C-alpha atoms as a PDB file:
ATOM      1  CA  MET A   1      24.226  -9.627  10.013  1.00  0.00           C
ATOM      2  CA  LEU A   2      20.446  -9.714   9.780  1.00  0.00           C
ATOM      3  CA  SER A   3      18.659  -6.697   8.391  1.00  0.00           C
ATOM      4  CA  ASN A   4      15.867  -5.167  10.438  1.00  0.00           C
ATOM      5  CA  ILE A   5      14.766  -2.992   7.535  1.00  0.00           C
ATOM      6  CA  MET A   6      10.996  -2.811   7.088  1.00  0.00           C
ATOM      7  CA  LYS A   7       9.785  -2.127   3.566  1.00  0.00           C
ATOM      8  CA  ILE A   8       6.522  -0.217   3.155  1.00  0.00           C
ATOM      9  CA  ALA A   9       4.806   0.366  -0.199  1.00  0.00           C
ATOM     10  CA  VAL A  10       2.270   3.177  -0.534  1.00  0.00           C
ATOM     11  CA  ALA A  11      -0.105   3.001  -3.516  1.00  0.00           C
ATOM     12  CA  SER A  12       0.584   6.420  -5.027  1.00  0.00           C
ATOM     13  CA  GLN A  13      -0.815   8.919  -7.477  1.00  0.00           C
ATOM     14  CA  GLY A  14       1.842  11.597  -7.677  1.00  0.00           C
ATOM     15  CA  LYS A  15       2.760  12.533  -4.094  1.00  0.00           C
ATOM     16  CA  TYR A  16      -0.627  11.412  -2.736  1.00  0.00           C
ATOM     17  CA  VAL A  17      -2.072   8.075  -1.638  1.00  0.00           C
ATOM     18  CA  SER A  18      -3.991   6.705  -4.618  1.00  0.00           C
ATOM     19  CA  ALA A  19      -7.771   6.351  -4.287  1.00  0.00           C
ATOM     20  CA  HIS A  20      -7.607   2.795  -5.621  1.00  0.00           C
ATOM     21  CA  PHE A  21      -4.756   0.377  -5.027  1.00  0.00           C
ATOM     22  CA  GLY A  22      -4.941  -1.599  -8.278  1.00  0.00           C
ATOM     23  CA  HIS A  23      -5.138   1.421 -10.547  1.00  0.00           C
ATOM     24  CA  CYS A  24      -2.475   3.550  -8.858  1.00  0.00           C
ATOM     25  CA  GLU A  25       0.296   5.220 -10.843  1.00  0.00           C
ATOM     26  CA  GLY A  26       2.817   3.239  -8.842  1.00  0.00           C
ATOM     27  CA  PHE A  27       4.212   2.578  -5.393  1.00  0.00           C
ATOM     28  CA  THR A  28       6.287   4.874  -3.234  1.00  0.00           C
ATOM     29  CA  PHE A  29       8.588   2.639  -1.223  1.00  0.00           C
ATOM     30  CA  TYR A  30       9.890   3.575   2.197  1.00  0.00           C
ATOM     31  CA  GLU A  31      12.577   1.522   3.874  1.00  0.00           C
ATOM     32  CA  ILE A  32      12.387   1.929   7.642  1.00  0.00           C
ATOM     33  CA  ASP A  33      15.193   1.197  10.084  1.00  0.00           C
ATOM     34  CA  GLU A  34      14.885   1.880  13.805  1.00  0.00           C
ATOM     35  CA  GLY A  35      11.758   3.974  13.269  1.00  0.00           C
ATOM     36  CA  LYS A  36      13.262   6.229  10.596  1.00  0.00           C
ATOM     37  CA  VAL A  37      12.979   6.398   6.814  1.00  0.00           C
ATOM     38  CA  VAL A  38      16.406   5.419   5.456  1.00  0.00           C
ATOM     39  CA  LYS A  39      15.453   5.126   1.780  1.00  0.00           C
ATOM     40  CA  LYS A  40      12.584   6.304  -0.436  1.00  0.00           C
ATOM     41  CA  TYR A  41      11.966   5.447  -4.094  1.00  0.00           C
ATOM     42  CA  PHE A  42       9.190   4.958  -6.634  1.00  0.00           C
ATOM     43  CA  VAL A  43       8.262   1.865  -8.669  1.00  0.00           C
ATOM     44  CA  GLU A  44       5.758   2.189 -11.506  1.00  0.00           C
ATOM     45  CA  ASN A  45       2.637   0.019 -11.381  1.00  0.00           C
ATOM     46  CA  PRO A  46       3.321  -2.869 -13.801  1.00  0.00           C
ATOM     47  CA  GLY A  47      -0.400  -3.138 -14.557  1.00  0.00           C
ATOM     48  CA  HIS A  48      -3.614  -4.209 -12.871  1.00  0.00           C
ATOM     49  CA  ARG A  49      -4.417  -7.878 -13.232  1.00  0.00           C
ATOM     50  CA  PRO A  50      -6.436  -9.768 -10.611  1.00  0.00           C
ATOM     51  CA  GLY A  51      -4.131 -11.284  -8.000  1.00  0.00           C
ATOM     52  CA  PHE A  52      -0.912 -10.008  -9.603  1.00  0.00           C
ATOM     53  CA  LEU A  53       0.072  -6.999  -7.483  1.00  0.00           C
ATOM     54  CA  PRO A  54       0.173  -8.774  -4.089  1.00  0.00           C
ATOM     55  CA  ASP A  55       2.655 -11.323  -5.538  1.00  0.00           C
ATOM     56  CA  PHE A  56       4.613  -8.552  -7.307  1.00  0.00           C
ATOM     57  CA  LEU A  57       4.986  -6.585  -4.060  1.00  0.00           C
ATOM     58  CA  LYS A  58       5.843  -9.731  -2.080  1.00  0.00           C
ATOM     59  CA  GLY A  59       8.631 -10.367  -4.588  1.00  0.00           C
ATOM     60  CA  LEU A  60       9.977  -6.874  -3.844  1.00  0.00           C
ATOM     61  CA  GLY A  61      10.140  -7.701  -0.129  1.00  0.00           C
ATOM     62  CA  VAL A  62       7.228  -5.553   1.050  1.00  0.00           C
ATOM     63  CA  ASN A  63       6.150  -5.979   4.695  1.00  0.00           C
ATOM     64  CA  LEU A  64       3.283  -3.454   4.644  1.00  0.00           C
ATOM     65  CA  ILE A  65       1.055  -1.947   1.951  1.00  0.00           C
ATOM     66  CA  ILE A  66      -0.782   1.329   2.542  1.00  0.00           C
ATOM     67  CA  ALA A  67      -3.641   2.348   0.253  1.00  0.00           C
ATOM     68  CA  ASP A  68      -6.980   4.122   0.266  1.00  0.00           C
ATOM     69  CA  GLY A  69      -9.336   1.767  -1.567  1.00  0.00           C
ATOM     70  CA  MET A  70      -8.464  -1.900  -2.019  1.00  0.00           C
ATOM     71  CA  GLY A  71     -10.544  -4.863  -3.108  1.00  0.00           C
ATOM     72  CA  GLU A  72     -11.327  -7.775  -0.841  1.00  0.00           C
ATOM     73  CA  THR A  73      -9.346 -10.289  -2.921  1.00  0.00           C
ATOM     74  CA  ALA A  74      -6.194  -8.154  -2.792  1.00  0.00           C
ATOM     75  CA  GLN A  75      -6.576  -7.764   0.977  1.00  0.00           C
ATOM     76  CA  GLN A  76      -6.936 -11.543   1.354  1.00  0.00           C
ATOM     77  CA  LEU A  77      -3.880 -12.204  -0.846  1.00  0.00           C
ATOM     78  CA  PHE A  78      -1.764  -9.792   1.186  1.00  0.00           C
ATOM     79  CA  ALA A  79      -2.867 -11.535   4.389  1.00  0.00           C
ATOM     80  CA  GLN A  80      -1.955 -14.946   2.879  1.00  0.00           C
ATOM     81  CA  ASN A  81       1.492 -13.543   2.022  1.00  0.00           C
ATOM     82  CA  ASN A  82       1.995 -12.206   5.574  1.00  0.00           C
ATOM     83  CA  ILE A  83       1.899  -8.616   4.326  1.00  0.00           C
ATOM     84  CA  GLU A  84      -0.050  -6.208   6.499  1.00  0.00           C
ATOM     85  CA  ALA A  85      -2.509  -3.977   4.607  1.00  0.00           C
ATOM     86  CA  ILE A  86      -3.678  -0.608   5.874  1.00  0.00           C
ATOM     87  CA  VAL A  87      -6.605   0.778   3.878  1.00  0.00           C
ATOM     88  CA  GLY A  88      -8.484   4.056   4.051  1.00  0.00           C
ATOM     89  CA  ALA A  89      -5.305   6.175   4.139  1.00  0.00           C
ATOM     90  CA  LYS A  90      -5.545   9.593   2.499  1.00  0.00           C
ATOM     91  CA  GLY A  91      -3.207  12.522   1.864  1.00  0.00           C
ATOM     92  CA  TYR A  92       0.476  13.037   1.124  1.00  0.00           C
ATOM     93  CA  CYS A  93       2.450   9.783   1.111  1.00  0.00           C
ATOM     94  CA  ASP A  94       5.210  11.270   3.299  1.00  0.00           C
ATOM     95  CA  TYR A  95       2.639  12.446   5.866  1.00  0.00           C
ATOM     96  CA  VAL A  96       0.927   9.038   5.937  1.00  0.00           C
ATOM     97  CA  ILE A  97       4.294   7.366   6.605  1.00  0.00           C
ATOM     98  CA  GLN A  98       4.961   9.774   9.475  1.00  0.00           C
ATOM     99  CA  GLN A  99       1.525   8.912  10.919  1.00  0.00           C
ATOM    100  CA  TYR A 100       2.404   5.224  10.675  1.00  0.00           C
ATOM    101  CA  LEU A 101       5.774   5.718  12.374  1.00  0.00           C
ATOM    102  CA  LYS A 102       4.031   7.570  15.227  1.00  0.00           C
ATOM    103  CA  ASP A 103       1.528   4.672  15.498  1.00  0.00           C
ATOM    104  CA  GLU A 104      -1.284   7.062  14.515  1.00  0.00           C
ATOM    105  CA  LEU A 105      -2.375   5.363  11.271  1.00  0.00           C
ATOM    106  CA  GLU A 106      -5.214   2.872  11.531  1.00  0.00           C
ATOM    107  CA  SER A 107      -6.801   0.796   8.823  1.00  0.00           C
ATOM    108  CA  THR A 108     -10.470   1.528   8.233  1.00  0.00           C
ATOM    109  CA  GLY A 109     -10.903  -2.041   7.015  1.00  0.00           C
ATOM    110  CA  SER A 110     -12.965  -0.718   4.110  1.00  0.00           C
ATOM    111  CA  VAL A 111     -13.326  -2.876   1.035  1.00  0.00           C
ATOM    112  CA  CYS A 112     -13.392  -1.223  -2.373  1.00  0.00           C
ATOM    113  CA  ARG A 113     -15.997  -2.829  -4.597  1.00  0.00           C
ATOM    114  CA  GLU A 114     -15.299  -0.691  -7.646  1.00  0.00           C
ATOM    115  CA  HIS A 115     -16.501  -3.235 -10.165  1.00  0.00           C
ATOM    116  CA  GLU A 116     -19.978  -3.041  -8.661  1.00  0.00           C
ATOM    117  CA  PHE A 117     -19.993   0.721  -9.176  1.00  0.00           C
ATOM    118  CA  GLN A 118     -18.782   0.989 -12.788  1.00  0.00           C
ATOM    119  CA  GLY A 119     -15.297   2.171 -11.881  1.00  0.00           C
ATOM    120  CA  HIS A 120     -16.175   4.421  -8.948  1.00  0.00           C
ATOM    121  CA  CYS A 121     -15.066   3.386  -5.480  1.00  0.00           C
ATOM    122  CA  HIS A 122     -17.514   3.726  -2.625  1.00  0.00           C
ATOM    123  CA  GLU A 123     -17.135   2.704   0.974  1.00  0.00           C
END
């Protein structure tokens, strides 16, 4: 039997969407089946290294990543790995997932260029 489970990772800081994907506390995972959350759990961020997290999340079977700020390279790597990226999300992780399930969450397409701003993300 094939699984139709979709796995979504939200870059998290506590219960909120993290301001910057690479430096988040970890990822809140939501497994979705038939439009409903069937499982939720947290995985700590194993560390920020250029290009590492997209492969790490691919290895965990992620279909979609939701974050606020995310660098251009990470966005490109997710696209190459057939993982959809939604950026510009803000608020409680659970609320953001409900927005997504209602088809009300849209990516702003913003690119975080934090290294150009000495550690501060700007859109």
